[in-house]
Amino acid sequence: MKGYAHPIKDENGEDTGEWCNKPKEEEEKAPTRAPARDNTTNSSIEQQVAIKAIVELWIHDRIGENSQLANTAESWIMSKLSNWSSMGEVAKEAPDEPMINKLQLELIQKLAKEKGYTPANAVAIMVRKFNVAQSKALTQADAEAFIKILERGQYLEA
């Protein structure tokens, strides 16, 4: 059977043994296929899926903060955030404000660990609040604001 059909009935409602074929309304179209992806696209998708899985394991304490998987995920995330933040921007001039100092950096690391922030949480807060992906890119004023956020335990779900 090439298409929809129904039996033809006579005046009494009984089958005549013949069939009425429904005419084709439009030619059947060949199914369209998505364009083939190249190896770099497939590789990128595989990396994103793997990193997401690692971050989920990390967030749920299935792997340690200092494990090779966690370090790999953090490095990949930081490289992507760095690339994305610089896309389409003109080189920035040096900020007028002094940059984060060593004591502030150490305090941020200490507070983040004490309060239960994962590196992914901290990065998400910095990107959202200060538009930077690394604490070394914070000004001293931003570092003080970030320290207050950490002290209060804000955005732990970030």
C-alpha atoms as a PDB file:
ATOM      1  CA  MET A   1       0.000   0.000   0.000  1.00  0.00           C
ATOM      2  CA  LYS A   2       1.519   3.294  -1.106  1.00  0.00           C
ATOM      3  CA  GLY A   3      -0.782   5.593   0.848  1.00  0.00           C
ATOM      4  CA  TYR A   4      -3.982   5.813   2.846  1.00  0.00           C
ATOM      5  CA  ALA A   5      -6.906   3.812   1.376  1.00  0.00           C
ATOM      6  CA  HIS A   6     -10.317   2.567   2.474  1.00  0.00           C
ATOM      7  CA  PRO A   7     -12.625  -0.158   1.156  1.00  0.00           C
ATOM      8  CA  ILE A   8     -15.428   0.911  -1.178  1.00  0.00           C
ATOM      9  CA  LYS A   9     -18.882  -0.034   0.072  1.00  0.00           C
ATOM     10  CA  ASP A  10     -22.038  -0.599  -1.989  1.00  0.00           C
ATOM     11  CA  GLU A  11     -25.495   0.903  -1.397  1.00  0.00           C
ATOM     12  CA  ASN A  12     -26.196  -1.610   1.357  1.00  0.00           C
ATOM     13  CA  GLY A  13     -22.939  -0.764   3.228  1.00  0.00           C
ATOM     14  CA  GLU A  14     -21.160  -3.965   2.284  1.00  0.00           C
ATOM     15  CA  ASP A  15     -17.592  -4.136   0.954  1.00  0.00           C
ATOM     16  CA  THR A  16     -17.314  -4.389  -2.822  1.00  0.00           C
ATOM     17  CA  GLY A  17     -13.770  -5.754  -2.672  1.00  0.00           C
ATOM     18  CA  GLU A  18     -12.401  -2.603  -4.259  1.00  0.00           C
ATOM     19  CA  TRP A  19     -10.334   0.067  -2.589  1.00  0.00           C
ATOM     20  CA  CYS A  20     -10.362   3.832  -2.810  1.00  0.00           C
ATOM     21  CA  ASN A  21      -6.848   5.228  -2.628  1.00  0.00           C
ATOM     22  CA  LYS A  22      -6.439   8.723  -1.249  1.00  0.00           C
ATOM     23  CA  PRO A  23      -4.646  10.881  -3.804  1.00  0.00           C
ATOM     24  CA  LYS A  24      -1.251  12.226  -2.811  1.00  0.00           C
ATOM     25  CA  GLU A  25      -1.566  15.869  -1.862  1.00  0.00           C
ATOM     26  CA  GLU A  26       2.088  16.635  -2.174  1.00  0.00           C
ATOM     27  CA  GLU A  27       5.138  14.783  -3.254  1.00  0.00           C
ATOM     28  CA  GLU A  28       7.035  13.112  -0.499  1.00  0.00           C
ATOM     29  CA  LYS A  29      10.118  15.050   0.373  1.00  0.00           C
ATOM     30  CA  ALA A  30      13.443  13.468   1.085  1.00  0.00           C
ATOM     31  CA  PRO A  31      14.254  13.857   4.752  1.00  0.00           C
ATOM     32  CA  THR A  32      16.588  16.750   5.377  1.00  0.00           C
ATOM     33  CA  ARG A  33      19.740  16.017   7.272  1.00  0.00           C
ATOM     34  CA  ALA A  34      21.646  18.321   9.549  1.00  0.00           C
ATOM     35  CA  PRO A  35      24.968  19.389   8.102  1.00  0.00           C
ATOM     36  CA  ALA A  36      27.788  17.141   9.152  1.00  0.00           C
ATOM     37  CA  ARG A  37      29.901  18.429  12.024  1.00  0.00           C
ATOM     38  CA  ASP A  38      33.616  18.567  11.711  1.00  0.00           C
ATOM     39  CA  ASN A  39      35.998  17.020  14.219  1.00  0.00           C
ATOM     40  CA  THR A  40      36.657  20.305  16.018  1.00  0.00           C
ATOM     41  CA  THR A  41      32.940  20.764  16.729  1.00  0.00           C
ATOM     42  CA  ASN A  42      32.597  17.180  17.952  1.00  0.00           C
ATOM     43  CA  SER A  43      35.689  17.601  20.110  1.00  0.00           C
ATOM     44  CA  SER A  44      34.344  20.844  21.583  1.00  0.00           C
ATOM     45  CA  ILE A  45      31.005  19.235  22.422  1.00  0.00           C
ATOM     46  CA  GLU A  46      32.745  16.262  24.020  1.00  0.00           C
ATOM     47  CA  GLN A  47      34.914  18.595  26.119  1.00  0.00           C
ATOM     48  CA  GLN A  48      31.925  20.623  27.290  1.00  0.00           C
ATOM     49  CA  VAL A  49      29.993  17.518  28.295  1.00  0.00           C
ATOM     50  CA  ALA A  50      33.000  16.048  30.105  1.00  0.00           C
ATOM     51  CA  ILE A  51      33.724  19.286  31.974  1.00  0.00           C
ATOM     52  CA  LYS A  52      30.071  19.657  32.991  1.00  0.00           C
ATOM     53  CA  ALA A  53      30.103  16.107  34.372  1.00  0.00           C
ATOM     54  CA  ILE A  54      33.332  16.757  36.284  1.00  0.00           C
ATOM     55  CA  VAL A  55      31.954  19.992  37.751  1.00  0.00           C
ATOM     56  CA  GLU A  56      28.798  18.167  38.863  1.00  0.00           C
ATOM     57  CA  LEU A  57      30.926  15.528  40.587  1.00  0.00           C
ATOM     58  CA  TRP A  58      33.026  18.269  42.150  1.00  0.00           C
ATOM     59  CA  ILE A  59      30.039  20.273  43.399  1.00  0.00           C
ATOM     60  CA  HIS A  60      28.507  17.169  44.968  1.00  0.00           C
ATOM     61  CA  ASP A  61      31.816  16.233  46.666  1.00  0.00           C
ATOM     62  CA  ARG A  62      32.269  13.069  44.614  1.00  0.00           C
ATOM     63  CA  ILE A  63      35.786  14.178  43.672  1.00  0.00           C
ATOM     64  CA  GLY A  64      38.170  16.247  45.758  1.00  0.00           C
ATOM     65  CA  GLU A  65      38.981  19.894  45.172  1.00  0.00           C
ATOM     66  CA  ASN A  66      42.622  19.018  44.467  1.00  0.00           C
ATOM     67  CA  SER A  67      41.967  15.983  42.259  1.00  0.00           C
ATOM     68  CA  GLN A  68      43.363  15.920  38.757  1.00  0.00           C
ATOM     69  CA  LEU A  69      39.829  15.960  37.310  1.00  0.00           C
ATOM     70  CA  ALA A  70      38.871  19.041  39.340  1.00  0.00           C
ATOM     71  CA  ASN A  71      42.083  20.818  38.350  1.00  0.00           C
ATOM     72  CA  THR A  72      41.523  19.955  34.693  1.00  0.00           C
ATOM     73  CA  ALA A  73      37.935  21.240  34.823  1.00  0.00           C
ATOM     74  CA  GLU A  74      38.983  24.451  36.573  1.00  0.00           C
ATOM     75  CA  SER A  75      41.746  25.099  34.036  1.00  0.00           C
ATOM     76  CA  TRP A  76      39.391  24.505  31.112  1.00  0.00           C
ATOM     77  CA  ILE A  77      36.672  26.725  32.611  1.00  0.00           C
ATOM     78  CA  MET A  78      39.146  29.511  33.341  1.00  0.00           C
ATOM     79  CA  SER A  79      40.561  29.358  29.809  1.00  0.00           C
ATOM     80  CA  LYS A  80      37.056  29.565  28.304  1.00  0.00           C
ATOM     81  CA  LEU A  81      36.012  32.420  30.581  1.00  0.00           C
ATOM     82  CA  SER A  82      39.194  34.256  29.723  1.00  0.00           C
ATOM     83  CA  ASN A  83      38.593  33.766  25.985  1.00  0.00           C
ATOM     84  CA  TRP A  84      34.926  34.747  26.183  1.00  0.00           C
ATOM     85  CA  SER A  85      35.569  37.837  28.272  1.00  0.00           C
ATOM     86  CA  SER A  86      38.115  39.137  25.778  1.00  0.00           C
ATOM     87  CA  MET A  87      36.100  38.434  22.614  1.00  0.00           C
ATOM     88  CA  GLY A  88      35.210  41.575  20.743  1.00  0.00           C
ATOM     89  CA  GLU A  89      36.826  43.922  23.229  1.00  0.00           C
ATOM     90  CA  VAL A  90      39.482  46.492  22.566  1.00  0.00           C
ATOM     91  CA  ALA A  91      42.527  46.160  24.781  1.00  0.00           C
ATOM     92  CA  LYS A  92      41.801  47.781  28.114  1.00  0.00           C
ATOM     93  CA  GLU A  93      43.918  50.461  29.627  1.00  0.00           C
ATOM     94  CA  ALA A  94      45.542  49.817  32.973  1.00  0.00           C
ATOM     95  CA  PRO A  95      43.055  50.540  35.755  1.00  0.00           C
ATOM     96  CA  ASP A  96      43.472  53.729  37.764  1.00  0.00           C
ATOM     97  CA  GLU A  97      42.834  51.808  40.981  1.00  0.00           C
ATOM     98  CA  PRO A  98      45.480  49.623  42.589  1.00  0.00           C
ATOM     99  CA  MET A  99      45.140  45.910  41.925  1.00  0.00           C
ATOM    100  CA  ILE A 100      44.500  43.208  44.536  1.00  0.00           C
ATOM    101  CA  ASN A 101      47.380  42.671  46.933  1.00  0.00           C
ATOM    102  CA  LYS A 102      48.859  39.462  48.278  1.00  0.00           C
ATOM    103  CA  LEU A 103      47.122  39.723  51.673  1.00  0.00           C
ATOM    104  CA  GLN A 104      43.706  40.168  50.052  1.00  0.00           C
ATOM    105  CA  LEU A 105      44.338  37.249  47.735  1.00  0.00           C
ATOM    106  CA  GLU A 106      45.333  35.000  50.643  1.00  0.00           C
ATOM    107  CA  LEU A 107      42.284  36.122  52.654  1.00  0.00           C
ATOM    108  CA  ILE A 108      39.956  35.368  49.723  1.00  0.00           C
ATOM    109  CA  GLN A 109      41.422  31.876  49.366  1.00  0.00           C
ATOM    110  CA  LYS A 110      41.182  31.241  53.128  1.00  0.00           C
ATOM    111  CA  LEU A 111      37.590  32.515  53.420  1.00  0.00           C
ATOM    112  CA  ALA A 112      36.423  30.606  50.351  1.00  0.00           C
ATOM    113  CA  LYS A 113      37.761  27.380  51.802  1.00  0.00           C
ATOM    114  CA  GLU A 114      36.364  28.048  55.302  1.00  0.00           C
ATOM    115  CA  LYS A 115      32.911  28.996  54.044  1.00  0.00           C
ATOM    116  CA  GLY A 116      32.633  25.995  51.714  1.00  0.00           C
ATOM    117  CA  TYR A 117      32.901  27.740  48.350  1.00  0.00           C
ATOM    118  CA  THR A 118      34.231  25.590  45.552  1.00  0.00           C
ATOM    119  CA  PRO A 119      36.525  27.285  43.038  1.00  0.00           C
ATOM    120  CA  ALA A 120      33.641  27.088  40.539  1.00  0.00           C
ATOM    121  CA  ASN A 121      31.383  28.986  42.994  1.00  0.00           C
ATOM    122  CA  ALA A 122      34.003  31.677  43.510  1.00  0.00           C
ATOM    123  CA  VAL A 123      34.619  32.081  39.786  1.00  0.00           C
ATOM    124  CA  ALA A 124      30.883  32.362  39.122  1.00  0.00           C
ATOM    125  CA  ILE A 125      30.573  35.140  41.723  1.00  0.00           C
ATOM    126  CA  MET A 126      33.560  37.037  40.339  1.00  0.00           C
ATOM    127  CA  VAL A 127      32.214  36.842  36.802  1.00  0.00           C
ATOM    128  CA  ARG A 128      28.705  37.880  37.866  1.00  0.00           C
ATOM    129  CA  LYS A 129      29.698  40.676  40.262  1.00  0.00           C
ATOM    130  CA  PHE A 130      33.010  41.983  38.977  1.00  0.00           C
ATOM    131  CA  ASN A 131      33.198  40.798  35.349  1.00  0.00           C
ATOM    132  CA  VAL A 132      36.531  39.025  35.900  1.00  0.00           C
ATOM    133  CA  ALA A 133      37.330  35.330  35.886  1.00  0.00           C
ATOM    134  CA  GLN A 134      40.426  35.425  38.093  1.00  0.00           C
ATOM    135  CA  SER A 135      40.877  36.950  41.518  1.00  0.00           C
ATOM    136  CA  LYS A 136      44.205  38.417  40.368  1.00  0.00           C
ATOM    137  CA  ALA A 137      42.224  40.675  38.006  1.00  0.00           C
ATOM    138  CA  LEU A 138      40.302  42.318  40.876  1.00  0.00           C
ATOM    139  CA  THR A 139      41.083  45.826  42.030  1.00  0.00           C
ATOM    140  CA  GLN A 140      41.689  46.321  45.742  1.00  0.00           C
ATOM    141  CA  ALA A 141      38.196  47.814  46.144  1.00  0.00           C
ATOM    142  CA  ASP A 142      36.605  44.856  44.312  1.00  0.00           C
ATOM    143  CA  ALA A 143      38.687  42.463  46.398  1.00  0.00           C
ATOM    144  CA  GLU A 144      37.347  44.064  49.598  1.00  0.00           C
ATOM    145  CA  ALA A 145      33.780  43.740  48.271  1.00  0.00           C
ATOM    146  CA  PHE A 146      34.429  40.096  47.360  1.00  0.00           C
ATOM    147  CA  ILE A 147      35.852  39.434  50.838  1.00  0.00           C
ATOM    148  CA  LYS A 148      32.641  40.809  52.375  1.00  0.00           C
ATOM    149  CA  ILE A 149      30.551  38.548  50.119  1.00  0.00           C
ATOM    150  CA  LEU A 150      32.601  35.543  51.233  1.00  0.00           C
ATOM    151  CA  GLU A 151      32.399  36.525  54.922  1.00  0.00           C
ATOM    152  CA  ARG A 152      28.612  36.740  54.717  1.00  0.00           C
ATOM    153  CA  GLY A 153      28.410  33.417  52.864  1.00  0.00           C
ATOM    154  CA  GLN A 154      26.413  34.926  50.002  1.00  0.00           C
ATOM    155  CA  TYR A 155      25.841  33.144  46.705  1.00  0.00           C
ATOM    156  CA  LEU A 156      26.966  29.701  47.884  1.00  0.00           C
ATOM    157  CA  GLU A 157      24.589  28.208  45.312  1.00  0.00           C
ATOM    158  CA  ALA A 158      26.360  30.065  42.474  1.00  0.00           C
END
